[in-house]
PDB file of N, CA and C in Angstrom:
ATOM      1  N   UNK A   1      11.930  53.692  46.470  1.00  0.00           N
ATOM      2  CA  UNK A   1      11.467  55.030  46.146  1.00  0.00           C
ATOM      3  C   UNK A   1      12.628  55.949  45.761  1.00  0.00           C
ATOM      4  N   UNK A   2      13.842  55.563  46.122  1.00  0.00           N
ATOM      5  CA  UNK A   2      14.970  56.439  45.843  1.00  0.00           C
ATOM      6  C   UNK A   2      15.778  56.010  44.628  1.00  0.00           C
ATOM      7  N   UNK A   3      15.483  54.846  44.085  1.00  0.00           N
ATOM      8  CA  UNK A   3      16.187  54.362  42.903  1.00  0.00           C
ATOM      9  C   UNK A   3      15.730  55.178  41.700  1.00  0.00           C
ATOM     10  N   UNK A   4      16.638  55.862  41.044  1.00  0.00           N
ATOM     11  CA  UNK A   4      16.292  56.765  39.946  1.00  0.00           C
ATOM     12  C   UNK A   4      15.553  56.054  38.811  1.00  0.00           C
ATOM     13  N   UNK A   5      15.950  54.825  38.493  1.00  0.00           N
ATOM     14  CA  UNK A   5      15.328  54.104  37.389  1.00  0.00           C
ATOM     15  C   UNK A   5      13.892  53.690  37.707  1.00  0.00           C
ATOM     16  N   UNK A   6      13.549  53.584  38.968  1.00  0.00           N
ATOM     17  CA  UNK A   6      12.209  53.146  39.365  1.00  0.00           C
ATOM     18  C   UNK A   6      11.290  54.304  39.730  1.00  0.00           C
ATOM     19  N   UNK A   7      11.833  55.460  39.922  1.00  0.00           N
ATOM     20  CA  UNK A   7      11.074  56.600  40.424  1.00  0.00           C
ATOM     21  C   UNK A   7       9.844  56.914  39.570  1.00  0.00           C
ATOM     22  N   UNK A   8       9.956  56.810  38.252  1.00  0.00           N
ATOM     23  CA  UNK A   8       8.838  57.141  37.378  1.00  0.00           C
ATOM     24  C   UNK A   8       7.695  56.138  37.461  1.00  0.00           C
ATOM     25  N   UNK A   9       7.925  55.000  38.063  1.00  0.00           N
ATOM     26  CA  UNK A   9       6.893  53.961  38.163  1.00  0.00           C
ATOM     27  C   UNK A   9       6.217  53.933  39.528  1.00  0.00           C
ATOM     28  N   UNK A  10       6.434  54.948  40.343  1.00  0.00           N
ATOM     29  CA  UNK A  10       5.848  54.976  41.692  1.00  0.00           C
ATOM     30  C   UNK A  10       4.337  54.841  41.666  1.00  0.00           C
ATOM     31  N   UNK A  11       3.708  55.409  40.662  1.00  0.00           N
ATOM     32  CA  UNK A  11       2.249  55.410  40.597  1.00  0.00           C
ATOM     33  C   UNK A  11       1.691  53.992  40.408  1.00  0.00           C
ATOM     34  N   UNK A  12       2.529  53.047  39.995  1.00  0.00           N
ATOM     35  CA  UNK A  12       2.076  51.667  39.802  1.00  0.00           C
ATOM     36  C   UNK A  12       1.988  50.873  41.105  1.00  0.00           C
ATOM     37  N   UNK A  13       2.619  51.367  42.157  1.00  0.00           N
ATOM     38  CA  UNK A  13       2.643  50.645  43.425  1.00  0.00           C
ATOM     39  C   UNK A  13       1.222  50.514  43.961  1.00  0.00           C
ATOM     40  N   UNK A  14       0.837  49.302  44.263  1.00  0.00           N
ATOM     41  CA  UNK A  14      -0.479  49.039  44.833  1.00  0.00           C
ATOM     42  C   UNK A  14      -1.593  48.847  43.820  1.00  0.00           C
ATOM     43  N   UNK A  15      -1.320  49.064  42.543  1.00  0.00           N
ATOM     44  CA  UNK A  15      -2.345  48.884  41.521  1.00  0.00           C
ATOM     45  C   UNK A  15      -2.395  47.431  41.076  1.00  0.00           C
ATOM     46  N   UNK A  16      -3.585  46.886  40.982  1.00  0.00           N
ATOM     47  CA  UNK A  16      -3.744  45.544  40.435  1.00  0.00           C
ATOM     48  C   UNK A  16      -3.692  45.642  38.920  1.00  0.00           C
ATOM     49  N   UNK A  17      -2.892  44.809  38.311  1.00  0.00           N
ATOM     50  CA  UNK A  17      -2.766  44.827  36.857  1.00  0.00           C
ATOM     51  C   UNK A  17      -3.264  43.497  36.308  1.00  0.00           C
ATOM     52  N   UNK A  18      -3.968  43.567  35.217  1.00  0.00           N
ATOM     53  CA  UNK A  18      -4.468  42.368  34.556  1.00  0.00           C
ATOM     54  C   UNK A  18      -3.894  42.327  33.146  1.00  0.00           C
ATOM     55  N   UNK A  19      -3.560  41.140  32.741  1.00  0.00           N
ATOM     56  CA  UNK A  19      -2.984  40.956  31.421  1.00  0.00           C
ATOM     57  C   UNK A  19      -3.785  39.909  30.662  1.00  0.00           C
ATOM     58  N   UNK A  20      -3.928  40.097  29.374  1.00  0.00           N
ATOM     59  CA  UNK A  20      -4.631  39.160  28.519  1.00  0.00           C
ATOM     60  C   UNK A  20      -3.611  38.224  27.890  1.00  0.00           C
ATOM     61  N   UNK A  21      -3.688  36.953  28.220  1.00  0.00           N
ATOM     62  CA  UNK A  21      -2.725  36.002  27.683  1.00  0.00           C
ATOM     63  C   UNK A  21      -3.127  35.466  26.317  1.00  0.00           C
ATOM     64  N   UNK A  22      -4.287  35.869  25.838  1.00  0.00           N
ATOM     65  CA  UNK A  22      -4.785  35.417  24.545  1.00  0.00           C
ATOM     66  C   UNK A  22      -3.832  35.661  23.390  1.00  0.00           C
ATOM     67  N   UNK A  23      -3.293  36.887  23.243  1.00  0.00           N
ATOM     68  CA  UNK A  23      -2.360  37.126  22.135  1.00  0.00           C
ATOM     69  C   UNK A  23      -1.109  36.241  22.201  1.00  0.00           C
ATOM     70  N   UNK A  24      -0.585  36.004  23.393  1.00  0.00           N
ATOM     71  CA  UNK A  24       0.603  35.151  23.531  1.00  0.00           C
ATOM     72  C   UNK A  24       0.271  33.717  23.153  1.00  0.00           C
ATOM     73  N   UNK A  25      -0.892  33.238  23.599  1.00  0.00           N
ATOM     74  CA  UNK A  25      -1.292  31.880  23.265  1.00  0.00           C
ATOM     75  C   UNK A  25      -1.537  31.735  21.765  1.00  0.00           C
ATOM     76  N   UNK A  26      -2.104  32.749  21.143  1.00  0.00           N
ATOM     77  CA  UNK A  26      -2.327  32.704  19.696  1.00  0.00           C
ATOM     78  C   UNK A  26      -0.997  32.685  18.951  1.00  0.00           C
ATOM     79  N   UNK A  27      -0.043  33.482  19.401  1.00  0.00           N
ATOM     80  CA  UNK A  27       1.266  33.533  18.763  1.00  0.00           C
ATOM     81  C   UNK A  27       1.990  32.196  18.882  1.00  0.00           C
ATOM     82  N   UNK A  28       1.918  31.583  20.071  1.00  0.00           N
ATOM     83  CA  UNK A  28       2.602  30.306  20.302  1.00  0.00           C
ATOM     84  C   UNK A  28       1.834  29.112  19.753  1.00  0.00           C
ATOM     85  N   UNK A  29       0.539  29.298  19.549  1.00  0.00           N
ATOM     86  CA  UNK A  29      -0.280  28.213  19.034  1.00  0.00           C
ATOM     87  C   UNK A  29      -0.645  27.171  20.067  1.00  0.00           C
ATOM     88  N   UNK A  30      -0.566  27.531  21.333  1.00  0.00           N
ATOM     89  CA  UNK A  30      -0.928  26.612  22.411  1.00  0.00           C
ATOM     90  C   UNK A  30      -1.187  27.410  23.685  1.00  0.00           C
ATOM     91  N   UNK A  31      -1.898  26.816  24.635  1.00  0.00           N
ATOM     92  CA  UNK A  31      -2.158  27.532  25.885  1.00  0.00           C
ATOM     93  C   UNK A  31      -0.895  27.637  26.746  1.00  0.00           C
ATOM     94  N   UNK A  32      -0.838  28.675  27.562  1.00  0.00           N
ATOM     95  CA  UNK A  32       0.281  28.843  28.482  1.00  0.00           C
ATOM     96  C   UNK A  32       0.103  27.902  29.671  1.00  0.00           C
ATOM     97  N   UNK A  33       1.199  27.525  30.301  1.00  0.00           N
ATOM     98  CA  UNK A  33       1.154  26.678  31.482  1.00  0.00           C
ATOM     99  C   UNK A  33       0.734  27.523  32.687  1.00  0.00           C
ATOM    100  N   UNK A  34       0.140  26.858  33.667  1.00  0.00           N
ATOM    101  CA  UNK A  34      -0.232  27.573  34.884  1.00  0.00           C
ATOM    102  C   UNK A  34       1.027  27.877  35.694  1.00  0.00           C
ATOM    103  N   UNK A  35       0.962  28.882  36.539  1.00  0.00           N
ATOM    104  CA  UNK A  35       2.124  29.256  37.361  1.00  0.00           C
ATOM    105  C   UNK A  35       2.531  28.122  38.300  1.00  0.00           C
ATOM    106  N   UNK A  36       1.589  27.504  39.037  1.00  0.00           N
ATOM    107  CA  UNK A  36       2.000  26.395  39.911  1.00  0.00           C
ATOM    108  C   UNK A  36       2.670  25.243  39.140  1.00  0.00           C
ATOM    109  N   UNK A  37       2.135  24.887  37.972  1.00  0.00           N
ATOM    110  CA  UNK A  37       2.750  23.822  37.177  1.00  0.00           C
ATOM    111  C   UNK A  37       4.148  24.220  36.716  1.00  0.00           C
ATOM    112  N   UNK A  38       4.316  25.466  36.322  1.00  0.00           N
ATOM    113  CA  UNK A  38       5.615  25.943  35.854  1.00  0.00           C
ATOM    114  C   UNK A  38       6.647  25.898  36.979  1.00  0.00           C
ATOM    115  N   UNK A  39       6.251  26.314  38.175  1.00  0.00           N
ATOM    116  CA  UNK A  39       7.169  26.290  39.321  1.00  0.00           C
ATOM    117  C   UNK A  39       7.567  24.859  39.650  1.00  0.00           C
ATOM    118  N   UNK A  40       6.593  23.965  39.666  1.00  0.00           N
ATOM    119  CA  UNK A  40       6.874  22.558  39.967  1.00  0.00           C
ATOM    120  C   UNK A  40       7.814  21.938  38.928  1.00  0.00           C
ATOM    121  N   UNK A  41       7.548  22.186  37.655  1.00  0.00           N
ATOM    122  CA  UNK A  41       8.380  21.631  36.589  1.00  0.00           C
ATOM    123  C   UNK A  41       9.791  22.216  36.614  1.00  0.00           C
ATOM    124  N   UNK A  42       9.904  23.495  36.940  1.00  0.00           N
ATOM    125  CA  UNK A  42      11.228  24.120  37.042  1.00  0.00           C
ATOM    126  C   UNK A  42      12.029  23.494  38.169  1.00  0.00           C
ATOM    127  N   UNK A  43      11.388  23.306  39.330  1.00  0.00           N
ATOM    128  CA  UNK A  43      12.065  22.670  40.470  1.00  0.00           C
ATOM    129  C   UNK A  43      12.518  21.262  40.137  1.00  0.00           C
ATOM    130  N   UNK A  44      11.650  20.502  39.495  1.00  0.00           N
ATOM    131  CA  UNK A  44      11.985  19.134  39.107  1.00  0.00           C
ATOM    132  C   UNK A  44      13.175  19.127  38.144  1.00  0.00           C
ATOM    133  N   UNK A  45      13.178  20.040  37.191  1.00  0.00           N
ATOM    134  CA  UNK A  45      14.270  20.116  36.234  1.00  0.00           C
ATOM    135  C   UNK A  45      15.593  20.479  36.907  1.00  0.00           C
ATOM    136  N   UNK A  46      15.542  21.418  37.853  1.00  0.00           N
ATOM    137  CA  UNK A  46      16.761  21.801  38.570  1.00  0.00           C
ATOM    138  C   UNK A  46      17.347  20.642  39.341  1.00  0.00           C
ATOM    139  N   UNK A  47      16.463  19.840  39.974  1.00  0.00           N
ATOM    140  CA  UNK A  47      16.933  18.659  40.717  1.00  0.00           C
ATOM    141  C   UNK A  47      17.512  17.627  39.752  1.00  0.00           C
ATOM    142  N   UNK A  48      16.820  17.353  38.640  1.00  0.00           N
ATOM    143  CA  UNK A  48      17.288  16.365  37.671  1.00  0.00           C
ATOM    144  C   UNK A  48      18.630  16.740  37.061  1.00  0.00           C
ATOM    145  N   UNK A  49      18.903  18.017  36.936  1.00  0.00           N
ATOM    146  CA  UNK A  49      20.178  18.461  36.368  1.00  0.00           C
ATOM    147  C   UNK A  49      21.243  18.706  37.428  1.00  0.00           C
ATOM    148  N   UNK A  50      20.947  18.341  38.677  1.00  0.00           N
ATOM    149  CA  UNK A  50      21.916  18.466  39.763  1.00  0.00           C
ATOM    150  C   UNK A  50      22.233  19.884  40.163  1.00  0.00           C
ATOM    151  N   UNK A  51      21.316  20.793  39.900  1.00  0.00           N
ATOM    152  CA  UNK A  51      21.562  22.195  40.241  1.00  0.00           C
ATOM    153  C   UNK A  51      21.035  22.555  41.622  1.00  0.00           C
ATOM    154  N   UNK A  52      20.268  21.644  42.213  1.00  0.00           N
ATOM    155  CA  UNK A  52      19.778  21.835  43.590  1.00  0.00           C
ATOM    156  C   UNK A  52      20.113  20.629  44.414  1.00  0.00           C
TER     157      UNK A  52
END
């Protein structure tokens, strides 16, 4: 609440926000990956590259 750069966004706290992924999928020409799949694939990649 005291960070000057965040102060103007106080009204967003606690609000549920919904986003339409349709435009992004249309732009990319394919569906977006699910969040759980993305997290799993990221973890696997980090292990395979020796970063974890």
